[in-house]
C-alpha atoms as a PDB file:
ATOM      1  CA  MET A   1       3.501 -11.398 -11.019  1.00  0.00           C
ATOM      2  CA  LYS A   2       3.124  -7.868 -12.287  1.00  0.00           C
ATOM      3  CA  ILE A   3       2.333  -5.031  -9.874  1.00  0.00           C
ATOM      4  CA  TYR A   4       0.002  -2.191 -10.837  1.00  0.00           C
ATOM      5  CA  TRP A   5      -0.336   0.926  -8.668  1.00  0.00           C
ATOM      6  CA  THR A   6      -3.777   2.545  -8.886  1.00  0.00           C
ATOM      7  CA  HIS A   7      -3.973   6.322  -9.169  1.00  0.00           C
ATOM      8  CA  LEU A   8      -5.417   6.467  -5.665  1.00  0.00           C
ATOM      9  CA  ALA A   9      -2.472   4.532  -4.203  1.00  0.00           C
ATOM     10  CA  GLN A  10       0.027   6.704  -6.077  1.00  0.00           C
ATOM     11  CA  ASN A  11      -1.714   9.838  -4.830  1.00  0.00           C
ATOM     12  CA  ARG A  12      -1.740   8.572  -1.242  1.00  0.00           C
ATOM     13  CA  VAL A  13       2.002   7.872  -1.335  1.00  0.00           C
ATOM     14  CA  ALA A  14       2.646  11.338  -2.786  1.00  0.00           C
ATOM     15  CA  GLU A  15       0.475  13.007  -0.115  1.00  0.00           C
ATOM     16  CA  ILE A  16       2.209  11.167   2.712  1.00  0.00           C
ATOM     17  CA  ALA A  17       5.650  11.932   1.266  1.00  0.00           C
ATOM     18  CA  ARG A  18       4.789  15.644   0.985  1.00  0.00           C
ATOM     19  CA  TYR A  19       3.693  15.636   4.623  1.00  0.00           C
ATOM     20  CA  ILE A  20       6.911  13.940   5.786  1.00  0.00           C
ATOM     21  CA  ALA A  21       8.999  16.270   3.594  1.00  0.00           C
ATOM     22  CA  GLN A  22       7.684  19.306   5.470  1.00  0.00           C
ATOM     23  CA  ASP A  23       9.977  18.262   8.320  1.00  0.00           C
ATOM     24  CA  ASN A  24      12.603  16.147   6.578  1.00  0.00           C
ATOM     25  CA  LEU A  25      13.035  15.788   2.817  1.00  0.00           C
ATOM     26  CA  ALA A  26      15.550  12.939   3.116  1.00  0.00           C
ATOM     27  CA  ALA A  27      13.189  10.997   5.373  1.00  0.00           C
ATOM     28  CA  ALA A  28      10.383  11.440   2.843  1.00  0.00           C
ATOM     29  CA  ARG A  29      12.538  10.091   0.013  1.00  0.00           C
ATOM     30  CA  ASN A  30      13.645   7.172   2.166  1.00  0.00           C
ATOM     31  CA  TRP A  31      10.029   6.395   3.118  1.00  0.00           C
ATOM     32  CA  VAL A  32       8.951   6.312  -0.535  1.00  0.00           C
ATOM     33  CA  GLU A  33      11.880   4.088  -1.523  1.00  0.00           C
ATOM     34  CA  LYS A  34      11.100   1.644   1.271  1.00  0.00           C
ATOM     35  CA  ILE A  35       7.376   1.533   0.455  1.00  0.00           C
ATOM     36  CA  PHE A  36       8.170   0.626  -3.156  1.00  0.00           C
ATOM     37  CA  ALA A  37      10.774  -1.941  -2.070  1.00  0.00           C
ATOM     38  CA  LYS A  38       8.246  -3.583   0.263  1.00  0.00           C
ATOM     39  CA  VAL A  39       5.623  -3.733  -2.486  1.00  0.00           C
ATOM     40  CA  ASP A  40       8.118  -5.114  -5.013  1.00  0.00           C
ATOM     41  CA  LYS A  41       8.446  -8.245  -2.862  1.00  0.00           C
ATOM     42  CA  LEU A  42       4.837  -9.058  -3.725  1.00  0.00           C
ATOM     43  CA  SER A  43       5.888 -10.038  -7.243  1.00  0.00           C
ATOM     44  CA  GLN A  44       7.551 -13.123  -5.761  1.00  0.00           C
ATOM     45  CA  PHE A  45       5.405 -13.567  -2.645  1.00  0.00           C
ATOM     46  CA  PRO A  46       1.887 -12.313  -3.491  1.00  0.00           C
ATOM     47  CA  GLU A  47       0.289 -13.744  -0.361  1.00  0.00           C
ATOM     48  CA  MET A  48       2.831 -12.419   2.118  1.00  0.00           C
ATOM     49  CA  GLY A  49       0.343  -9.839   3.364  1.00  0.00           C
ATOM     50  CA  ARG A  50      -2.429 -10.561   5.827  1.00  0.00           C
ATOM     51  CA  ASN A  51      -6.176 -10.444   5.239  1.00  0.00           C
ATOM     52  CA  VAL A  52      -7.800  -7.045   5.717  1.00  0.00           C
ATOM     53  CA  SER A  53     -10.098  -7.278   8.734  1.00  0.00           C
ATOM     54  CA  GLU A  54     -12.659  -4.786   7.353  1.00  0.00           C
ATOM     55  CA  ILE A  55     -13.016  -6.686   4.081  1.00  0.00           C
ATOM     56  CA  LYS A  56     -14.166 -10.280   3.945  1.00  0.00           C
ATOM     57  CA  LYS A  57     -12.430 -11.196   0.685  1.00  0.00           C
ATOM     58  CA  SER A  58      -9.421 -13.498   0.606  1.00  0.00           C
ATOM     59  CA  ASN A  59      -7.836 -11.697  -2.362  1.00  0.00           C
ATOM     60  CA  ILE A  60      -7.777  -8.326  -0.549  1.00  0.00           C
ATOM     61  CA  ARG A  61      -4.684  -8.222   1.626  1.00  0.00           C
ATOM     62  CA  GLU A  62      -2.416  -5.726   3.338  1.00  0.00           C
ATOM     63  CA  LEU A  63       1.259  -5.221   3.978  1.00  0.00           C
ATOM     64  CA  ILE A  64       2.359  -3.276   7.007  1.00  0.00           C
ATOM     65  CA  TYR A  65       5.136  -0.726   6.766  1.00  0.00           C
ATOM     66  CA  GLY A  66       5.685   1.295   9.920  1.00  0.00           C
ATOM     67  CA  ASN A  67       2.383   2.989  10.754  1.00  0.00           C
ATOM     68  CA  TYR A  68       0.961   2.412   7.275  1.00  0.00           C
ATOM     69  CA  ARG A  69      -1.202  -0.195   5.635  1.00  0.00           C
ATOM     70  CA  ILE A  70      -0.581  -0.999   1.983  1.00  0.00           C
ATOM     71  CA  ILE A  71      -3.844  -2.483   0.748  1.00  0.00           C
ATOM     72  CA  TYR A  72      -3.706  -4.666  -2.370  1.00  0.00           C
ATOM     73  CA  ARG A  73      -5.794  -7.084  -4.422  1.00  0.00           C
ATOM     74  CA  GLY A  74      -4.264 -10.162  -5.957  1.00  0.00           C
ATOM     75  CA  GLU A  75      -5.485 -11.658  -9.191  1.00  0.00           C
ATOM     76  CA  LYS A  76      -4.082 -14.407 -11.424  1.00  0.00           C
ATOM     77  CA  GLN A  77      -0.980 -12.659 -12.757  1.00  0.00           C
ATOM     78  CA  LEU A  78      -1.528  -9.143 -11.438  1.00  0.00           C
ATOM     79  CA  ILE A  79      -1.434  -7.365  -8.106  1.00  0.00           C
ATOM     80  CA  TYR A  80      -3.266  -4.063  -7.741  1.00  0.00           C
ATOM     81  CA  ILE A  81      -2.002  -1.703  -5.041  1.00  0.00           C
ATOM     82  CA  LEU A  82      -5.301  -0.106  -4.061  1.00  0.00           C
ATOM     83  CA  THR A  83      -4.420   2.400  -1.354  1.00  0.00           C
ATOM     84  CA  VAL A  84      -1.991   3.308   1.410  1.00  0.00           C
ATOM     85  CA  ARG A  85      -3.468   4.403   4.732  1.00  0.00           C
ATOM     86  CA  HIS A  86      -2.177   5.347   8.161  1.00  0.00           C
ATOM     87  CA  PHE A  87      -3.376   2.969  10.887  1.00  0.00           C
ATOM     88  CA  ALA A  88      -5.205   5.819  12.620  1.00  0.00           C
ATOM     89  CA  GLN A  89      -7.384   6.403   9.535  1.00  0.00           C
ATOM     90  CA  ILE A  90     -10.597   4.552   8.891  1.00  0.00           C
ATOM     91  CA  LEU A  91     -10.406   2.474   5.729  1.00  0.00           C
ATOM     92  CA  PRO A  92     -13.241   3.537   3.404  1.00  0.00           C
ATOM     93  CA  VAL A  93     -14.582   0.369   1.776  1.00  0.00           C
ATOM     94  CA  ASN A  94     -14.920   2.152  -1.590  1.00  0.00           C
ATOM     95  CA  GLU A  95     -11.112   2.460  -1.745  1.00  0.00           C
ATOM     96  CA  VAL A  96     -10.670  -1.295  -1.956  1.00  0.00           C
ATOM     97  CA  LYS A  97     -13.134  -2.184  -4.683  1.00  0.00           C
END
């Protein structure tokens, strides 16, 4: 399975990393590395995430990393990373279409 990061997901990761880096640059780098490592596992285990409670579609799933939700959509040979959100944030439905 190939993994494709949407622009929105890439931007979210960059925003979160910039926020973390304000206090600790090394922690920000580590967070980004671990997010990408977690997502890379999807290439072998595309259904390892759970269903997203706000969305009633079986191909929209999420991985949990710390306080963050990595929302993705699985298709035949491709996984789209749609967005990354903190648990405290409301998930706008338009981000997962």
